Amino acid sequence: MKKESIKFTEEKIKEYFNIEEKIALIKNLIISLEEKKEILEDKNKNLKLDFDIDIRCITIDDMPKGSGDGTSYFESNIMKQIQDNEKMIKNIEEDILNQKDEIFRLEIKNAKMRNIINILRDDYKQMLELRYKKQETETYIADKLNLSKSQYHILRKRTLQSVYNMLIMHREI
C-alpha cells in the first residue's frame, strides 16, 4: 500500500471519528436545550415568574394606576414575562430543529464510512477506535490487544488496506 493511500485512508478514518464526536456533542446540546425549554414552559404554566421589583414594599399610595387598556402594572408585567418566555421557547425550538438538521447532515456524510467500519472484523474496529478515536499510542494498543509491536503493525496495515479497498468499492476514491 502506498504512503499516499495510507495517508488518505487515515484522514478519512479521523474525519469519521471527529464527525461522530461532533454528533454526540450536538445531541448533548439538544438535551440541554430541551431541558431549558421545559423549565420555561413550567414557569409559564405555574406562573413562576421573576420580577425586578419587591412587591411587598409597595404601599397603596405607591401603587401605580392602571394603564389605558385596563391592565394594572402587575398584570402587564406578568403578560410581558410570559410573552418573553414564549419567545425564548420558540427560539429554543428553532435552535433544536437546526441542531437536528446538522446531525442529519453529518450522519449522511458519515454513512459510507460507518458502513465500512461496521463490516470490519472486531479486532480491526477496536484498533481503529483506539488509534484514531482515542488517539492511543502504538505501544498501548499493542498491549491492549495483546499483540507484539510487529503484530500490531501487521494488523494496522491489514485494517487500513481493508478500509482503503472498501472506500474504492464505495467510490470514495
Protein backbone atom coordinates (compact mmCIF):
# COMPACT_ATOMS: atom_id res chain seq x y z
CA MET A 1 0.00 0.00 0.00
CA LYS A 2 1.41 3.41 -0.99
CA LYS A 3 2.03 6.15 1.54
CA GLU A 4 -0.50 8.40 -0.18
CA SER A 5 -3.14 5.69 0.11
CA ILE A 6 -2.35 5.16 3.78
CA LYS A 7 -2.50 8.89 4.48
CA PHE A 8 -5.79 9.26 2.58
CA THR A 9 -7.34 6.32 4.42
CA GLU A 10 -6.19 7.58 7.80
CA GLU A 11 -7.62 11.04 7.07
CA LYS A 12 -10.99 9.50 6.17
CA ILE A 13 -10.98 7.47 9.40
CA LYS A 14 -10.03 10.51 11.51
CA GLU A 15 -12.74 12.56 9.83
CA TYR A 16 -15.28 9.82 10.58
CA PHE A 17 -14.44 9.75 14.30
CA ASN A 18 -14.37 13.56 14.52
CA ILE A 19 -17.84 13.73 12.99
CA GLU A 20 -19.10 11.03 15.38
CA GLU A 21 -17.79 13.10 18.30
CA LYS A 22 -19.43 16.25 16.93
CA ILE A 23 -22.75 14.40 16.58
CA ALA A 24 -22.53 13.29 20.23
CA LEU A 25 -21.83 16.88 21.35
CA ILE A 26 -24.79 18.20 19.36
CA LYS A 27 -27.06 15.53 20.87
CA ASN A 28 -25.99 16.66 24.35
CA LEU A 29 -26.69 20.27 23.36
CA ILE A 30 -30.18 19.28 22.21
CA ILE A 31 -30.83 17.60 25.57
CA SER A 32 -29.83 20.75 27.46
CA LEU A 33 -31.95 22.94 25.14
CA GLU A 34 -34.96 20.68 25.70
CA GLU A 35 -34.44 20.92 29.47
CA LYS A 36 -34.27 24.71 29.25
CA LYS A 37 -37.46 24.73 27.16
CA GLU A 38 -39.25 22.55 29.76
CA ILE A 39 -38.21 24.92 32.55
CA LEU A 40 -39.60 27.91 30.66
CA GLU A 41 -42.83 26.07 29.85
CA ASP A 42 -43.17 25.08 33.51
CA LYS A 43 -42.61 28.71 34.58
CA ASN A 44 -45.41 29.87 32.29
CA LYS A 45 -47.73 27.02 33.26
CA ASN A 46 -47.29 27.58 37.01
CA LEU A 47 -46.72 31.35 36.81
CA LYS A 48 -43.26 31.09 38.33
CA LEU A 49 -42.18 34.48 37.11
CA ASP A 50 -39.23 36.64 38.06
CA PHE A 51 -39.80 40.28 38.94
CA ASP A 52 -37.25 43.00 39.40
CA ILE A 53 -39.37 44.83 41.99
CA ASP A 54 -40.15 43.82 45.54
CA ILE A 55 -43.95 43.84 45.64
CA ARG A 56 -44.04 43.65 49.46
CA CYS A 57 -42.58 47.14 49.88
CA ILE A 58 -45.18 48.89 47.72
CA THR A 59 -47.83 50.78 49.69
CA ILE A 60 -51.29 51.71 48.46
CA ASP A 61 -50.14 55.27 47.68
CA ASP A 62 -47.20 53.90 45.64
CA MET A 63 -49.35 51.54 43.61
CA PRO A 64 -49.44 52.63 40.01
CA LYS A 65 -52.75 53.25 38.44
CA GLY A 66 -53.95 51.05 35.64
CA SER A 67 -52.87 51.65 32.10
CA GLY A 68 -55.15 52.93 29.38
CA ASP A 69 -56.07 49.38 28.30
CA GLY A 70 -57.44 48.39 31.70
CA THR A 71 -54.49 46.28 32.87
CA SER A 72 -52.55 47.01 36.02
CA TYR A 73 -48.80 47.42 36.15
CA PHE A 74 -48.56 43.98 37.77
CA GLU A 75 -50.73 42.32 35.09
CA SER A 76 -48.79 43.92 32.25
CA ASN A 77 -45.51 42.70 33.80
CA ILE A 78 -46.90 39.17 34.06
CA MET A 79 -48.04 39.25 30.43
CA LYS A 80 -44.69 40.66 29.29
CA GLN A 81 -42.75 37.96 31.09
CA ILE A 82 -44.99 35.22 29.69
CA GLN A 83 -44.51 36.65 26.20
CA ASP A 84 -40.73 36.83 26.73
CA ASN A 85 -40.70 33.20 27.88
CA GLU A 86 -42.80 32.18 24.86
CA LYS A 87 -40.36 33.97 22.56
CA MET A 88 -37.41 32.18 24.21
CA ILE A 89 -39.23 28.85 23.88
CA LYS A 90 -39.80 29.50 20.17
CA ASN A 91 -36.09 30.38 19.71
CA ILE A 92 -35.06 27.22 21.54
CA GLU A 93 -37.40 25.09 19.38
CA GLU A 94 -35.87 26.66 16.28
CA ASP A 95 -32.36 26.00 17.58
CA ILE A 96 -33.26 22.37 18.33
CA LEU A 97 -34.52 21.91 14.76
CA ASN A 98 -31.34 23.46 13.37
CA GLN A 99 -29.21 21.15 15.51
CA LYS A 100 -31.22 18.11 14.37
CA ASP A 101 -30.70 19.20 10.75
CA GLU A 102 -26.96 19.42 11.41
CA ILE A 103 -26.94 15.91 12.90
CA PHE A 104 -28.81 14.61 9.85
CA ARG A 105 -26.30 16.29 7.50
CA LEU A 106 -23.33 14.88 9.44
CA GLU A 107 -24.85 11.38 9.58
CA ILE A 108 -25.33 11.39 5.82
CA LYS A 109 -21.72 12.49 5.39
CA ASN A 110 -20.57 9.66 7.68
CA ALA A 111 -22.90 6.93 6.39
CA LYS A 112 -20.50 5.24 3.97
CA MET A 113 -17.61 5.18 6.43
CA ARG A 114 -19.92 3.91 9.20
CA ASN A 115 -20.98 1.05 6.91
CA ILE A 116 -17.36 0.29 6.10
CA ILE A 117 -16.30 0.22 9.75
CA ASN A 118 -19.33 -1.88 10.76
CA ILE A 119 -18.31 -4.53 8.21
CA LEU A 120 -14.79 -4.87 9.64
CA ARG A 121 -13.70 -7.61 11.99
CA ASP A 122 -13.90 -6.75 15.68
CA ASP A 123 -10.12 -6.54 16.16
CA TYR A 124 -9.88 -4.14 13.20
CA LYS A 125 -12.66 -1.98 14.67
CA GLN A 126 -11.04 -1.98 18.08
CA MET A 127 -7.67 -0.99 16.61
CA LEU A 128 -9.25 1.88 14.63
CA GLU A 129 -11.12 3.16 17.65
CA LEU A 130 -8.09 3.06 19.90
CA ARG A 131 -5.80 4.65 17.33
CA TYR A 132 -7.99 7.25 15.61
CA LYS A 133 -10.78 7.98 18.08
CA LYS A 134 -8.99 7.74 21.40
CA GLN A 135 -5.59 8.57 19.85
CA GLU A 136 -3.74 5.97 21.88
CA THR A 137 -0.08 5.11 21.28
CA GLU A 138 1.03 2.08 19.31
CA THR A 139 2.50 0.53 22.46
CA TYR A 140 -0.74 0.97 24.40
CA ILE A 141 -2.81 -0.50 21.54
CA ALA A 142 -0.46 -3.47 21.16
CA ASP A 143 -0.70 -4.15 24.92
CA LYS A 144 -4.49 -3.70 24.94
CA LEU A 145 -4.93 -6.11 22.00
CA ASN A 146 -2.35 -8.49 23.44
CA LEU A 147 -0.05 -8.13 20.40
CA SER A 148 3.63 -7.58 19.84
CA LYS A 149 4.61 -4.34 18.14
CA SER A 150 5.24 -6.15 14.86
CA GLN A 151 1.85 -7.90 15.09
CA TYR A 152 0.26 -4.51 15.75
CA HIS A 153 1.88 -3.06 12.61
CA ILE A 154 0.64 -6.01 10.54
CA LEU A 155 -2.89 -5.60 11.97
CA ARG A 156 -2.80 -1.85 11.27
CA LYS A 157 -1.63 -2.41 7.70
CA ARG A 158 -4.33 -5.02 7.06
CA THR A 159 -7.01 -2.81 8.60
CA LEU A 160 -6.03 0.23 6.55
CA GLN A 161 -5.84 -1.92 3.41
CA SER A 162 -9.34 -3.29 4.07
CA VAL A 163 -10.75 0.19 4.66
CA TYR A 164 -8.99 1.51 1.55
CA ASN A 165 -10.39 -1.31 -0.60
CA MET A 166 -13.90 -0.69 0.69
CA LEU A 167 -13.52 3.05 0.04
CA ILE A 168 -12.70 2.16 -3.56
CA MET A 169 -15.77 -0.10 -3.71
CA HIS A 170 -17.94 2.73 -2.31
CA ARG A 171 -16.45 5.11 -4.90
CA GLU A 172 -14.91 7.35 -2.25
CA ILE A 173 -11.59 7.27 -4.09
